[in-house]
PDB file of N, CA and C in Angstrom:
ATOM      1  N   MET A   1      90.192 111.588  94.187  1.00  0.00           N
ATOM      2  CA  MET A   1      91.297 110.627  92.803  1.00  0.00           C
ATOM      3  C   MET A   1      90.617 108.831  93.776  1.00  0.00           C
ATOM      4  N   LYS A   2      90.594 108.205  92.990  1.00  0.00           N
ATOM      5  CA  LYS A   2      91.251 106.950  93.407  1.00  0.00           C
ATOM      6  C   LYS A   2      92.300 105.740  93.266  1.00  0.00           C
ATOM      7  N   ILE A   3      92.470 104.871  94.083  1.00  0.00           N
ATOM      8  CA  ILE A   3      93.111 104.171  94.411  1.00  0.00           C
ATOM      9  C   ILE A   3      93.080 102.926  93.395  1.00  0.00           C
ATOM     10  N   ILE A   4      94.329 102.947  92.371  1.00  0.00           N
ATOM     11  CA  ILE A   4      93.875 102.069  91.364  1.00  0.00           C
ATOM     12  C   ILE A   4      94.756 100.242  91.722  1.00  0.00           C
ATOM     13  N   GLY A   5      95.930 100.513  91.898  1.00  0.00           N
ATOM     14  CA  GLY A   5      96.629  99.727  92.867  1.00  0.00           C
ATOM     15  C   GLY A   5      97.313 100.048  93.994  1.00  0.00           C
ATOM     16  N   ILE A   6      97.342  98.415  94.661  1.00  0.00           N
ATOM     17  CA  ILE A   6      98.894  99.002  95.634  1.00  0.00           C
ATOM     18  C   ILE A   6      99.658  97.809  96.019  1.00  0.00           C
ATOM     19  N   GLY A   7     100.472  97.676  96.157  1.00  0.00           N
ATOM     20  CA  GLY A   7     101.286  96.454  96.073  1.00  0.00           C
ATOM     21  C   GLY A   7     103.033  96.718  97.423  1.00  0.00           C
ATOM     22  N   THR A   8     102.632  95.538  97.447  1.00  0.00           N
ATOM     23  CA  THR A   8     104.391  95.818  98.927  1.00  0.00           C
ATOM     24  C   THR A   8     105.318  94.161  98.523  1.00  0.00           C
ATOM     25  N   ASP A   9     106.341  94.323  99.011  1.00  0.00           N
ATOM     26  CA  ASP A   9     107.117  93.305  99.109  1.00  0.00           C
ATOM     27  C   ASP A   9     108.480  93.213 100.245  1.00  0.00           C
ATOM     28  N   ILE A  10     109.112  92.467 100.659  1.00  0.00           N
ATOM     29  CA  ILE A  10     109.607  92.119 101.507  1.00  0.00           C
ATOM     30  C   ILE A  10     110.974  92.154 100.814  1.00  0.00           C
ATOM     31  N   VAL A  11     112.568  92.172 101.095  1.00  0.00           N
ATOM     32  CA  VAL A  11     113.013  91.502 100.964  1.00  0.00           C
ATOM     33  C   VAL A  11     114.230  91.005 101.784  1.00  0.00           C
ATOM     34  N   LEU A  12     114.885  90.324 101.959  1.00  0.00           N
ATOM     35  CA  LEU A  12     115.964  89.836 102.845  1.00  0.00           C
ATOM     36  C   LEU A  12     117.217  90.482 102.486  1.00  0.00           C
ATOM     37  N   ASN A  13     118.137  91.534 103.553  1.00  0.00           N
ATOM     38  CA  ASN A  13     118.767  92.132 103.231  1.00  0.00           C
ATOM     39  C   ASN A  13     120.334  91.124 102.556  1.00  0.00           C
ATOM     40  N   ASN A  14     120.142  90.211 102.832  1.00  0.00           N
ATOM     41  CA  ASN A  14     121.673  89.293 102.946  1.00  0.00           C
ATOM     42  C   ASN A  14     121.561  88.876 101.803  1.00  0.00           C
ATOM     43  N   ARG A  15     120.549  88.198 101.103  1.00  0.00           N
ATOM     44  CA  ARG A  15     119.969  87.550  99.673  1.00  0.00           C
ATOM     45  C   ARG A  15     120.208  88.371  98.588  1.00  0.00           C
ATOM     46  N   ILE A  16     120.226  90.091  98.691  1.00  0.00           N
ATOM     47  CA  ILE A  16     120.577  90.855  97.825  1.00  0.00           C
ATOM     48  C   ILE A  16     122.021  91.123  97.745  1.00  0.00           C
ATOM     49  N   LYS A  17     122.635  91.161  99.061  1.00  0.00           N
ATOM     50  CA  LYS A  17     123.757  91.711  99.115  1.00  0.00           C
ATOM     51  C   LYS A  17     124.329  89.780  98.333  1.00  0.00           C
ATOM     52  N   LYS A  18     124.172  88.983  98.713  1.00  0.00           N
ATOM     53  CA  LYS A  18     124.967  87.564  98.133  1.00  0.00           C
ATOM     54  C   LYS A  18     124.598  88.464  96.503  1.00  0.00           C
ATOM     55  N   LEU A  19     123.679  88.549  96.005  1.00  0.00           N
ATOM     56  CA  LEU A  19     123.476  88.710  94.696  1.00  0.00           C
ATOM     57  C   LEU A  19     123.703  89.648  93.809  1.00  0.00           C
ATOM     58  N   ILE A  20     124.045  90.994  94.668  1.00  0.00           N
ATOM     59  CA  ILE A  20     124.757  91.918  94.132  1.00  0.00           C
ATOM     60  C   ILE A  20     126.206  91.577  93.580  1.00  0.00           C
ATOM     61  N   LYS A  21     126.663  90.879  94.197  1.00  0.00           N
ATOM     62  CA  LYS A  21     128.418  90.382  94.185  1.00  0.00           C
ATOM     63  C   LYS A  21     128.122  89.980  92.133  1.00  0.00           C
ATOM     64  N   ASN A  22     127.441  89.406  91.587  1.00  0.00           N
ATOM     65  CA  ASN A  22     126.886  88.808  90.323  1.00  0.00           C
ATOM     66  C   ASN A  22     127.041  90.594  89.610  1.00  0.00           C
ATOM     67  N   LYS A  23     127.826  90.547  88.967  1.00  0.00           N
ATOM     68  CA  LYS A  23     127.345  92.691  87.528  1.00  0.00           C
ATOM     69  C   LYS A  23     126.206  92.017  86.576  1.00  0.00           C
ATOM     70  N   ASN A  24     126.304  90.306  86.993  1.00  0.00           N
ATOM     71  CA  ASN A  24     125.153  90.404  85.532  1.00  0.00           C
ATOM     72  C   ASN A  24     123.507  90.793  86.929  1.00  0.00           C
ATOM     73  N   PHE A  25     123.238  90.152  87.344  1.00  0.00           N
ATOM     74  CA  PHE A  25     122.292  90.520  88.068  1.00  0.00           C
ATOM     75  C   PHE A  25     122.200  92.380  88.489  1.00  0.00           C
ATOM     76  N   LEU A  26     122.907  92.857  89.221  1.00  0.00           N
ATOM     77  CA  LEU A  26     123.667  94.419  88.893  1.00  0.00           C
ATOM     78  C   LEU A  26     123.074  94.975  87.841  1.00  0.00           C
ATOM     79  N   ASN A  27     123.134  95.015  86.483  1.00  0.00           N
ATOM     80  CA  ASN A  27     122.928  94.970  84.950  1.00  0.00           C
ATOM     81  C   ASN A  27     121.771  94.284  84.466  1.00  0.00           C
ATOM     82  N   ARG A  28     121.378  93.949  85.374  1.00  0.00           N
ATOM     83  CA  ARG A  28     120.117  93.105  84.772  1.00  0.00           C
ATOM     84  C   ARG A  28     118.196  94.172  85.992  1.00  0.00           C
ATOM     85  N   ILE A  29     119.418  94.579  87.029  1.00  0.00           N
ATOM     86  CA  ILE A  29     117.599  94.629  87.843  1.00  0.00           C
ATOM     87  C   ILE A  29     118.059  96.239  87.964  1.00  0.00           C
ATOM     88  N   TYR A  30     118.570  96.542  87.106  1.00  0.00           N
ATOM     89  CA  TYR A  30     119.361  97.874  88.459  1.00  0.00           C
ATOM     90  C   TYR A  30     119.342  98.814  87.338  1.00  0.00           C
ATOM     91  N   THR A  31     119.204 100.542  87.335  1.00  0.00           N
ATOM     92  CA  THR A  31     119.184 101.462  86.374  1.00  0.00           C
ATOM     93  C   THR A  31     120.935 101.912  86.632  1.00  0.00           C
ATOM     94  N   ASN A  32     121.683 102.422  85.356  1.00  0.00           N
ATOM     95  CA  ASN A  32     122.651 102.853  85.826  1.00  0.00           C
ATOM     96  C   ASN A  32     123.149 104.396  86.939  1.00  0.00           C
ATOM     97  N   GLN A  33     121.675 104.892  87.199  1.00  0.00           N
ATOM     98  CA  GLN A  33     120.942 106.084  88.092  1.00  0.00           C
ATOM     99  C   GLN A  33     121.482 105.145  89.291  1.00  0.00           C
ATOM    100  N   GLU A  34     120.713 103.796  89.616  1.00  0.00           N
ATOM    101  CA  GLU A  34     120.809 103.795  90.282  1.00  0.00           C
ATOM    102  C   GLU A  34     121.730 102.901  91.375  1.00  0.00           C
ATOM    103  N   ILE A  35     122.849 102.334  90.332  1.00  0.00           N
ATOM    104  CA  ILE A  35     124.012 101.493  90.499  1.00  0.00           C
ATOM    105  C   ILE A  35     125.136 102.676  90.845  1.00  0.00           C
ATOM    106  N   LYS A  36     124.925 104.409  90.572  1.00  0.00           N
ATOM    107  CA  LYS A  36     125.869 105.298  90.650  1.00  0.00           C
ATOM    108  C   LYS A  36     125.530 105.688  92.062  1.00  0.00           C
ATOM    109  N   PHE A  37     123.898 105.641  92.804  1.00  0.00           N
ATOM    110  CA  PHE A  37     123.584 106.316  93.637  1.00  0.00           C
ATOM    111  C   PHE A  37     123.850 104.975  95.096  1.00  0.00           C
ATOM    112  N   ALA A  38     123.653 103.794  94.751  1.00  0.00           N
ATOM    113  CA  ALA A  38     123.913 102.612  95.335  1.00  0.00           C
ATOM    114  C   ALA A  38     125.333 102.744  95.699  1.00  0.00           C
ATOM    115  N   LYS A  39     126.691 103.628  94.887  1.00  0.00           N
ATOM    116  CA  LYS A  39     128.469 103.324  95.548  1.00  0.00           C
ATOM    117  C   LYS A  39     128.403 104.336  96.653  1.00  0.00           C
ATOM    118  N   LYS A  40     127.847 105.515  96.425  1.00  0.00           N
ATOM    119  CA  LYS A  40     128.096 106.671  97.335  1.00  0.00           C
ATOM    120  C   LYS A  40     126.680 106.447  99.127  1.00  0.00           C
ATOM    121  N   GLN A  41     126.312 105.227  99.044  1.00  0.00           N
ATOM    122  CA  GLN A  41     126.085 105.223 100.408  1.00  0.00           C
ATOM    123  C   GLN A  41     127.092 103.768 100.681  1.00  0.00           C
ATOM    124  N   LYS A  42     126.633 104.010 102.322  1.00  0.00           N
ATOM    125  CA  LYS A  42     127.380 103.449 103.373  1.00  0.00           C
ATOM    126  C   LYS A  42     126.550 102.036 103.269  1.00  0.00           C
ATOM    127  N   GLU A  43     125.900 101.489 103.305  1.00  0.00           N
ATOM    128  CA  GLU A  43     124.828 100.369 103.088  1.00  0.00           C
ATOM    129  C   GLU A  43     125.114 100.296 101.679  1.00  0.00           C
ATOM    130  N   ILE A  44     125.442  99.847 101.375  1.00  0.00           N
ATOM    131  CA  ILE A  44     124.662  99.579  99.551  1.00  0.00           C
ATOM    132  C   ILE A  44     124.054  98.245  99.618  1.00  0.00           C
ATOM    133  N   SER A  45     124.333  97.449 100.177  1.00  0.00           N
ATOM    134  CA  SER A  45     122.773  96.391  99.817  1.00  0.00           C
ATOM    135  C   SER A  45     121.800  96.358 100.719  1.00  0.00           C
ATOM    136  N   SER A  46     121.593  97.081 101.381  1.00  0.00           N
ATOM    137  CA  SER A  46     120.461  97.762 101.891  1.00  0.00           C
ATOM    138  C   SER A  46     119.066  99.042 100.964  1.00  0.00           C
ATOM    139  N   PHE A  47     120.308  99.196 100.399  1.00  0.00           N
ATOM    140  CA  PHE A  47     119.865 100.760  99.497  1.00  0.00           C
ATOM    141  C   PHE A  47     119.421  99.455  98.386  1.00  0.00           C
ATOM    142  N   LEU A  48     120.062  98.579  97.775  1.00  0.00           N
ATOM    143  CA  LEU A  48     119.916  98.181  96.137  1.00  0.00           C
ATOM    144  C   LEU A  48     118.276  97.410  96.635  1.00  0.00           C
ATOM    145  N   ALA A  49     119.160  96.979  98.057  1.00  0.00           N
ATOM    146  CA  ALA A  49     117.813  96.180  98.677  1.00  0.00           C
ATOM    147  C   ALA A  49     115.534  96.402  98.487  1.00  0.00           C
ATOM    148  N   LYS A  50     116.010  97.889  99.199  1.00  0.00           N
ATOM    149  CA  LYS A  50     115.173  97.977  99.145  1.00  0.00           C
ATOM    150  C   LYS A  50     114.301  99.442  97.601  1.00  0.00           C
ATOM    151  N   ARG A  51     115.183  98.340  97.013  1.00  0.00           N
ATOM    152  CA  ARG A  51     115.203  98.658  95.121  1.00  0.00           C
ATOM    153  C   ARG A  51     114.582  98.128  94.764  1.00  0.00           C
ATOM    154  N   PHE A  52     114.924  96.707  95.065  1.00  0.00           N
ATOM    155  CA  PHE A  52     114.220  96.169  94.585  1.00  0.00           C
ATOM    156  C   PHE A  52     112.965  95.766  94.791  1.00  0.00           C
ATOM    157  N   ALA A  53     113.395  95.657  96.214  1.00  0.00           N
ATOM    158  CA  ALA A  53     111.951  96.170  96.380  1.00  0.00           C
ATOM    159  C   ALA A  53     110.112  96.893  96.074  1.00  0.00           C
ATOM    160  N   ALA A  54     110.942  97.975  96.083  1.00  0.00           N
ATOM    161  CA  ALA A  54     110.440  99.461  95.292  1.00  0.00           C
ATOM    162  C   ALA A  54     109.279  98.641  94.429  1.00  0.00           C
ATOM    163  N   LYS A  55     110.451  98.392  92.844  1.00  0.00           N
ATOM    164  CA  LYS A  55     110.394  97.565  91.945  1.00  0.00           C
ATOM    165  C   LYS A  55     109.098  95.957  92.166  1.00  0.00           C
ATOM    166  N   GLU A  56     109.468  95.582  92.750  1.00  0.00           N
ATOM    167  CA  GLU A  56     108.647  94.541  93.047  1.00  0.00           C
ATOM    168  C   GLU A  56     107.142  94.724  93.067  1.00  0.00           C
ATOM    169  N   ALA A  57     107.614  95.404  94.276  1.00  0.00           N
ATOM    170  CA  ALA A  57     105.516  96.172  94.791  1.00  0.00           C
ATOM    171  C   ALA A  57     104.939  97.049  93.757  1.00  0.00           C
ATOM    172  N   PHE A  58     106.246  97.929  92.873  1.00  0.00           N
ATOM    173  CA  PHE A  58     105.034  99.219  91.998  1.00  0.00           C
ATOM    174  C   PHE A  58     104.042  98.161  90.482  1.00  0.00           C
ATOM    175  N   ALA A  59     105.566  96.508  90.303  1.00  0.00           N
ATOM    176  CA  ALA A  59     104.746  95.833  89.673  1.00  0.00           C
ATOM    177  C   ALA A  59     103.064  94.722  90.376  1.00  0.00           C
ATOM    178  N   LYS A  60     102.948  94.989  91.467  1.00  0.00           N
ATOM    179  CA  LYS A  60     102.579  94.677  91.848  1.00  0.00           C
ATOM    180  C   LYS A  60     100.621  95.183  92.305  1.00  0.00           C
ATOM    181  N   ALA A  61     101.773  96.478  92.193  1.00  0.00           N
ATOM    182  CA  ALA A  61     100.503  97.560  91.854  1.00  0.00           C
ATOM    183  C   ALA A  61     100.260  97.611  90.930  1.00  0.00           C
ATOM    184  N   LEU A  62     100.765  97.942  89.788  1.00  0.00           N
ATOM    185  CA  LEU A  62     100.130  97.484  88.311  1.00  0.00           C
ATOM    186  C   LEU A  62      99.649  96.236  88.270  1.00  0.00           C
ATOM    187  N   GLY A  63      99.904  95.503  88.916  1.00  0.00           N
ATOM    188  CA  GLY A  63      98.725  93.835  88.235  1.00  0.00           C
ATOM    189  C   GLY A  63      99.081  93.442  87.867  1.00  0.00           C
ATOM    190  N   THR A  64     100.346  93.174  87.248  1.00  0.00           N
ATOM    191  CA  THR A  64     100.910  92.881  85.854  1.00  0.00           C
ATOM    192  C   THR A  64     101.823  91.964  86.063  1.00  0.00           C
ATOM    193  N   GLY A  65     102.296  92.131  87.575  1.00  0.00           N
ATOM    194  CA  GLY A  65     103.565  91.322  87.561  1.00  0.00           C
ATOM    195  C   GLY A  65     104.694  91.719  86.410  1.00  0.00           C
ATOM    196  N   PHE A  66     105.780  91.126  86.593  1.00  0.00           N
ATOM    197  CA  PHE A  66     106.784  91.024  85.510  1.00  0.00           C
ATOM    198  C   PHE A  66     106.774  90.730  83.884  1.00  0.00           C
ATOM    199  N   ARG A  67     105.595  90.820  83.159  1.00  0.00           N
ATOM    200  CA  ARG A  67     105.365  90.724  82.149  1.00  0.00           C
ATOM    201  C   ARG A  67     104.772  91.450  80.901  1.00  0.00           C
ATOM    202  N   LYS A  68     103.763  91.158  79.767  1.00  0.00           N
ATOM    203  CA  LYS A  68     103.913  92.281  79.176  1.00  0.00           C
ATOM    204  C   LYS A  68     105.071  93.844  78.917  1.00  0.00           C
ATOM    205  N   ASN A  69     106.287  92.587  78.793  1.00  0.00           N
ATOM    206  CA  ASN A  69     107.337  93.704  78.951  1.00  0.00           C
ATOM    207  C   ASN A  69     107.990  94.643  80.064  1.00  0.00           C
ATOM    208  N   LEU A  70     107.247  94.244  81.143  1.00  0.00           N
ATOM    209  CA  LEU A  70     107.743  95.196  81.936  1.00  0.00           C
ATOM    210  C   LEU A  70     109.247  94.482  82.741  1.00  0.00           C
ATOM    211  N   ASN A  71     109.869  94.959  82.397  1.00  0.00           N
ATOM    212  CA  ASN A  71     110.673  95.021  83.201  1.00  0.00           C
ATOM    213  C   ASN A  71     111.679  95.176  84.270  1.00  0.00           C
ATOM    214  N   PHE A  72     113.079  94.444  84.623  1.00  0.00           N
ATOM    215  CA  PHE A  72     113.329  95.711  86.957  1.00  0.00           C
ATOM    216  C   PHE A  72     113.773  96.695  85.860  1.00  0.00           C
ATOM    217  N   LYS A  73     114.362  96.802  84.814  1.00  0.00           N
ATOM    218  CA  LYS A  73     114.972  97.971  84.538  1.00  0.00           C
ATOM    219  C   LYS A  73     114.401  99.343  84.298  1.00  0.00           C
ATOM    220  N   ASP A  74     112.635  98.466  84.161  1.00  0.00           N
ATOM    221  CA  ASP A  74     112.213  99.704  83.357  1.00  0.00           C
ATOM    222  C   ASP A  74     111.705 100.768  84.471  1.00  0.00           C
ATOM    223  N   ILE A  75     111.416 100.780  85.480  1.00  0.00           N
ATOM    224  CA  ILE A  75     111.508 101.086  87.052  1.00  0.00           C
ATOM    225  C   ILE A  75     112.626 101.744  87.349  1.00  0.00           C
ATOM    226  N   GLU A  76     112.379 102.703  87.744  1.00  0.00           N
ATOM    227  CA  GLU A  76     114.314 103.383  88.326  1.00  0.00           C
ATOM    228  C   GLU A  76     113.527 103.532  89.778  1.00  0.00           C
ATOM    229  N   ILE A  77     113.919 103.840  90.544  1.00  0.00           N
ATOM    230  CA  ILE A  77     113.795 104.958  91.416  1.00  0.00           C
ATOM    231  C   ILE A  77     114.643 105.833  91.954  1.00  0.00           C
ATOM    232  N   LEU A  78     114.597 106.603  91.675  1.00  0.00           N
ATOM    233  CA  LEU A  78     115.145 107.850  92.834  1.00  0.00           C
ATOM    234  C   LEU A  78     114.233 108.279  93.942  1.00  0.00           C
ATOM    235  N   ASN A  79     115.627 109.757  94.188  1.00  0.00           N
ATOM    236  CA  ASN A  79     115.246 110.155  95.260  1.00  0.00           C
ATOM    237  C   ASN A  79     115.263 112.085  95.245  1.00  0.00           C
ATOM    238  N   ASN A  80     114.249 112.865  96.201  1.00  0.00           N
ATOM    239  CA  ASN A  80     114.265 113.792  95.872  1.00  0.00           C
ATOM    240  C   ASN A  80     115.494 114.799  96.394  1.00  0.00           C
ATOM    241  N   LYS A  81     115.377 115.918  96.839  1.00  0.00           N
ATOM    242  CA  LYS A  81     116.645 116.925  96.880  1.00  0.00           C
ATOM    243  C   LYS A  81     116.706 116.522  99.102  1.00  0.00           C
ATOM    244  N   LEU A  82     115.380 116.433  99.082  1.00  0.00           N
ATOM    245  CA  LEU A  82     115.041 115.940 100.969  1.00  0.00           C
ATOM    246  C   LEU A  82     115.414 114.557 101.166  1.00  0.00           C
ATOM    247  N   GLY A  83     115.586 113.752  99.901  1.00  0.00           N
ATOM    248  CA  GLY A  83     115.471 112.431 100.402  1.00  0.00           C
ATOM    249  C   GLY A  83     114.225 111.399 100.533  1.00  0.00           C
ATOM    250  N   LYS A  84     113.598 111.988  99.915  1.00  0.00           N
ATOM    251  CA  LYS A  84     112.025 111.290 100.076  1.00  0.00           C
ATOM    252  C   LYS A  84     112.014 110.205  98.364  1.00  0.00           C
ATOM    253  N   PRO A  85     111.663 109.132  98.412  1.00  0.00           N
ATOM    254  CA  PRO A  85     111.788 108.247  96.803  1.00  0.00           C
ATOM    255  C   PRO A  85     111.051 108.360  96.233  1.00  0.00           C
ATOM    256  N   TYR A  86     111.169 108.122  94.907  1.00  0.00           N
ATOM    257  CA  TYR A  86     110.158 108.404  94.353  1.00  0.00           C
ATOM    258  C   TYR A  86     110.249 107.256  93.001  1.00  0.00           C
ATOM    259  N   TYR A  87     109.259 107.050  91.968  1.00  0.00           N
ATOM    260  CA  TYR A  87     109.040 106.469  90.727  1.00  0.00           C
ATOM    261  C   TYR A  87     109.309 107.170  89.630  1.00  0.00           C
ATOM    262  N   SER A  88     110.790 106.636  88.737  1.00  0.00           N
ATOM    263  CA  SER A  88     111.006 108.142  87.207  1.00  0.00           C
ATOM    264  C   SER A  88     109.615 107.322  86.018  1.00  0.00           C
ATOM    265  N   ILE A  89     109.110 107.681  86.512  1.00  0.00           N
ATOM    266  CA  ILE A  89     108.867 107.233  85.303  1.00  0.00           C
ATOM    267  C   ILE A  89     108.902 108.261  83.523  1.00  0.00           C
ATOM    268  N   ASN A  90     109.261 106.938  83.242  1.00  0.00           N
ATOM    269  CA  ASN A  90     109.849 107.062  81.392  1.00  0.00           C
ATOM    270  C   ASN A  90     109.183 106.470  80.533  1.00  0.00           C
ATOM    271  N   SER A  91     109.265 107.144  79.484  1.00  0.00           N
ATOM    272  CA  SER A  91     108.216 106.745  78.079  1.00  0.00           C
ATOM    273  C   SER A  91     107.581 105.386  77.628  1.00  0.00           C
ATOM    274  N   LYS A  92     108.996 103.899  78.494  1.00  0.00           N
ATOM    275  CA  LYS A  92     108.635 102.896  78.144  1.00  0.00           C
ATOM    276  C   LYS A  92     106.977 102.721  79.097  1.00  0.00           C
ATOM    277  N   LEU A  93     107.489 103.063  80.064  1.00  0.00           N
ATOM    278  CA  LEU A  93     106.934 102.191  81.355  1.00  0.00           C
ATOM    279  C   LEU A  93     105.600 103.368  81.010  1.00  0.00           C
ATOM    280  N   LYS A  94     105.210 104.119  80.889  1.00  0.00           N
ATOM    281  CA  LYS A  94     103.817 104.875  80.683  1.00  0.00           C
ATOM    282  C   LYS A  94     103.601 104.334  79.439  1.00  0.00           C
ATOM    283  N   LYS A  95     103.991 103.763  78.828  1.00  0.00           N
ATOM    284  CA  LYS A  95     102.888 102.893  77.776  1.00  0.00           C
ATOM    285  C   LYS A  95     102.379 101.537  78.294  1.00  0.00           C
ATOM    286  N   ILE A  96     103.313 100.867  79.108  1.00  0.00           N
ATOM    287  CA  ILE A  96     103.301 100.072  79.437  1.00  0.00           C
ATOM    288  C   ILE A  96     102.186  99.896  80.876  1.00  0.00           C
ATOM    289  N   ILE A  97     101.993 101.153  81.697  1.00  0.00           N
ATOM    290  CA  ILE A  97     100.994 100.979  82.884  1.00  0.00           C
ATOM    291  C   ILE A  97      99.743 101.580  82.078  1.00  0.00           C
ATOM    292  N   PHE A  98      99.280 102.456  81.319  1.00  0.00           N
ATOM    293  CA  PHE A  98      98.314 102.826  79.875  1.00  0.00           C
ATOM    294  C   PHE A  98      98.078 101.543  79.153  1.00  0.00           C
ATOM    295  N   ARG A  99      98.220 100.788  79.124  1.00  0.00           N
ATOM    296  CA  ARG A  99      98.418  99.568  78.274  1.00  0.00           C
ATOM    297  C   ARG A  99      97.976  98.902  79.586  1.00  0.00           C
ATOM    298  N   SER A 100      98.121  98.656  80.191  1.00  0.00           N
ATOM    299  CA  SER A 100      97.343  97.776  81.661  1.00  0.00           C
ATOM    300  C   SER A 100      96.105  98.707  82.327  1.00  0.00           C
ATOM    301  N   LEU A 101      96.504  99.738  82.688  1.00  0.00           N
ATOM    302  CA  LEU A 101      95.313 100.394  83.071  1.00  0.00           C
ATOM    303  C   LEU A 101      94.314 101.702  82.574  1.00  0.00           C
ATOM    304  N   LYS A 102      94.687 101.700  81.412  1.00  0.00           N
ATOM    305  CA  LYS A 102      93.713 102.332  80.065  1.00  0.00           C
ATOM    306  C   LYS A 102      93.438 103.969  80.757  1.00  0.00           C
ATOM    307  N   VAL A 103      95.170 104.620  81.088  1.00  0.00           N
ATOM    308  CA  VAL A 103      94.467 105.634  82.219  1.00  0.00           C
ATOM    309  C   VAL A 103      95.838 106.202  82.006  1.00  0.00           C
ATOM    310  N   LYS A 104      95.619 108.256  82.143  1.00  0.00           N
ATOM    311  CA  LYS A 104      96.199 108.272  81.427  1.00  0.00           C
ATOM    312  C   LYS A 104      97.332 109.114  82.898  1.00  0.00           C
ATOM    313  N   ASN A 105      96.620 109.916  83.301  1.00  0.00           N
ATOM    314  CA  ASN A 105      96.899 110.791  84.703  1.00  0.00           C
ATOM    315  C   ASN A 105      97.004 110.168  85.566  1.00  0.00           C
ATOM    316  N   LEU A 106      97.973 109.398  86.177  1.00  0.00           N
ATOM    317  CA  LEU A 106      98.352 108.436  87.414  1.00  0.00           C
ATOM    318  C   LEU A 106      99.389 109.586  88.484  1.00  0.00           C
ATOM    319  N   ASP A 107      98.652 109.148  89.522  1.00  0.00           N
ATOM    320  CA  ASP A 107     100.329 109.539  90.539  1.00  0.00           C
ATOM    321  C   ASP A 107     100.975 108.222  91.385  1.00  0.00           C
ATOM    322  N   PHE A 108     101.634 108.124  91.890  1.00  0.00           N
ATOM    323  CA  PHE A 108     102.086 107.438  91.645  1.00  0.00           C
ATOM    324  C   PHE A 108     103.008 107.623  93.530  1.00  0.00           C
ATOM    325  N   PHE A 109     103.063 106.512  94.654  1.00  0.00           N
ATOM    326  CA  PHE A 109     103.426 106.808  95.909  1.00  0.00           C
ATOM    327  C   PHE A 109     104.692 105.878  96.318  1.00  0.00           C
ATOM    328  N   LEU A 110     105.442 105.773  96.924  1.00  0.00           N
ATOM    329  CA  LEU A 110     106.377 104.506  97.372  1.00  0.00           C
ATOM    330  C   LEU A 110     106.896 105.276  99.123  1.00  0.00           C
ATOM    331  N   SER A 111     107.023 104.314  99.602  1.00  0.00           N
ATOM    332  CA  SER A 111     107.146 104.044 100.704  1.00  0.00           C
ATOM    333  C   SER A 111     108.222 103.528 101.341  1.00  0.00           C
ATOM    334  N   LEU A 112     109.801 103.717 101.391  1.00  0.00           N
ATOM    335  CA  LEU A 112     110.267 102.105 101.282  1.00  0.00           C
ATOM    336  C   LEU A 112     110.914 102.333 103.368  1.00  0.00           C
ATOM    337  N   SER A 113     111.427 101.241 103.790  1.00  0.00           N
ATOM    338  CA  SER A 113     111.890 101.003 105.170  1.00  0.00           C
ATOM    339  C   SER A 113     113.172  99.671 105.245  1.00  0.00           C
ATOM    340  N   ASP A 114     114.043 100.317 106.195  1.00  0.00           N
ATOM    341  CA  ASP A 114     115.013  98.676 106.918  1.00  0.00           C
ATOM    342  C   ASP A 114     115.256  98.750 107.854  1.00  0.00           C
ATOM    343  N   GLU A 115     115.296  97.345 108.229  1.00  0.00           N
ATOM    344  CA  GLU A 115     115.847  96.956 109.103  1.00  0.00           C
ATOM    345  C   GLU A 115     117.116  96.268 109.020  1.00  0.00           C
ATOM    346  N   LYS A 116     117.867  95.761 109.886  1.00  0.00           N
ATOM    347  CA  LYS A 116     118.999  94.705 109.244  1.00  0.00           C
ATOM    348  C   LYS A 116     119.365  93.969 108.993  1.00  0.00           C
ATOM    349  N   LEU A 117     117.725  92.995 108.516  1.00  0.00           N
ATOM    350  CA  LEU A 117     117.397  91.811 108.324  1.00  0.00           C
ATOM    351  C   LEU A 117     117.277  92.011 106.885  1.00  0.00           C
ATOM    352  N   TYR A 118     115.942  93.504 107.274  1.00  0.00           N
ATOM    353  CA  TYR A 118     115.523  92.944 106.013  1.00  0.00           C
ATOM    354  C   TYR A 118     114.355  94.482 105.598  1.00  0.00           C
ATOM    355  N   SER A 119     114.077  94.887 103.774  1.00  0.00           N
ATOM    356  CA  SER A 119     113.861  95.529 103.585  1.00  0.00           C
ATOM    357  C   SER A 119     112.159  95.412 102.998  1.00  0.00           C
ATOM    358  N   ILE A 120     112.036  97.024 102.967  1.00  0.00           N
ATOM    359  CA  ILE A 120     110.420  96.506 102.178  1.00  0.00           C
ATOM    360  C   ILE A 120     109.818  97.840 102.134  1.00  0.00           C
ATOM    361  N   ALA A 121     108.883  97.922 100.741  1.00  0.00           N
ATOM    362  CA  ALA A 121     108.378  98.884  99.909  1.00  0.00           C
ATOM    363  C   ALA A 121     106.968  99.018  99.678  1.00  0.00           C
ATOM    364  N   PHE A 122     106.465  99.622  99.782  1.00  0.00           N
ATOM    365  CA  PHE A 122     104.929  99.932  99.378  1.00  0.00           C
ATOM    366  C   PHE A 122     104.476 100.714  98.682  1.00  0.00           C
ATOM    367  N   ALA A 123     103.847 100.740  97.999  1.00  0.00           N
ATOM    368  CA  ALA A 123     103.369 101.073  96.514  1.00  0.00           C
ATOM    369  C   ALA A 123     102.182 101.488  96.221  1.00  0.00           C
ATOM    370  N   ILE A 124     101.922 102.796  95.454  1.00  0.00           N
ATOM    371  CA  ILE A 124      99.659 103.084  95.282  1.00  0.00           C
ATOM    372  C   ILE A 124     100.411 104.064  94.077  1.00  0.00           C
ATOM    373  N   ILE A 125      99.228 103.342  93.339  1.00  0.00           N
ATOM    374  CA  ILE A 125      98.865 104.098  91.958  1.00  0.00           C
ATOM    375  C   ILE A 125      97.447 104.324  92.576  1.00  0.00           C
ATOM    376  N   GLN A 126      97.644 105.536  91.498  1.00  0.00           N
ATOM    377  CA  GLN A 126      96.165 106.095  91.739  1.00  0.00           C
ATOM    378  C   GLN A 126      95.957 107.509  90.679  1.00  0.00           C
ATOM    379  N   LYS A 127      94.800 107.311  90.362  1.00  0.00           N
ATOM    380  CA  LYS A 127      93.840 107.735  89.361  1.00  0.00           C
ATOM    381  C   LYS A 127      93.768 109.336  90.119  1.00  0.00           C
ATOM    382  N   LYS A 128      93.853 110.830  89.480  1.00  0.00           N
ATOM    383  CA  LYS A 128      94.051 112.224  89.339  1.00  0.00           C
ATOM    384  C   LYS A 128      93.216 112.326  89.638  1.00  0.00           C
TER     385      LYS A 128
END
């Protein structure tokens, strides 16, 4: 197995808390599923701040940033039954990844953490 990309991002939680009051921002950055899960959380802003950081970290790990038709909503972060976050890879994202990395069989790893002021994400893209 070979690591193809690593990305990290840190976000000031208050910045996201202010931005999510704007419905346009919320709908431009987050998927319907992410918004639905966020509404069930005690700390909505830190929940969404971690996802924002995770999307940025993924774009950095991919090596493209948000260009070449990659948008924030293309990157969806869900949680498994135990609460572990993971990247949900849709068909559009698969095409973007293949176009950028020229590799099909990949694993994606994500770690999220937050404190009162900050949220952080760490992403790894690895060839199987």
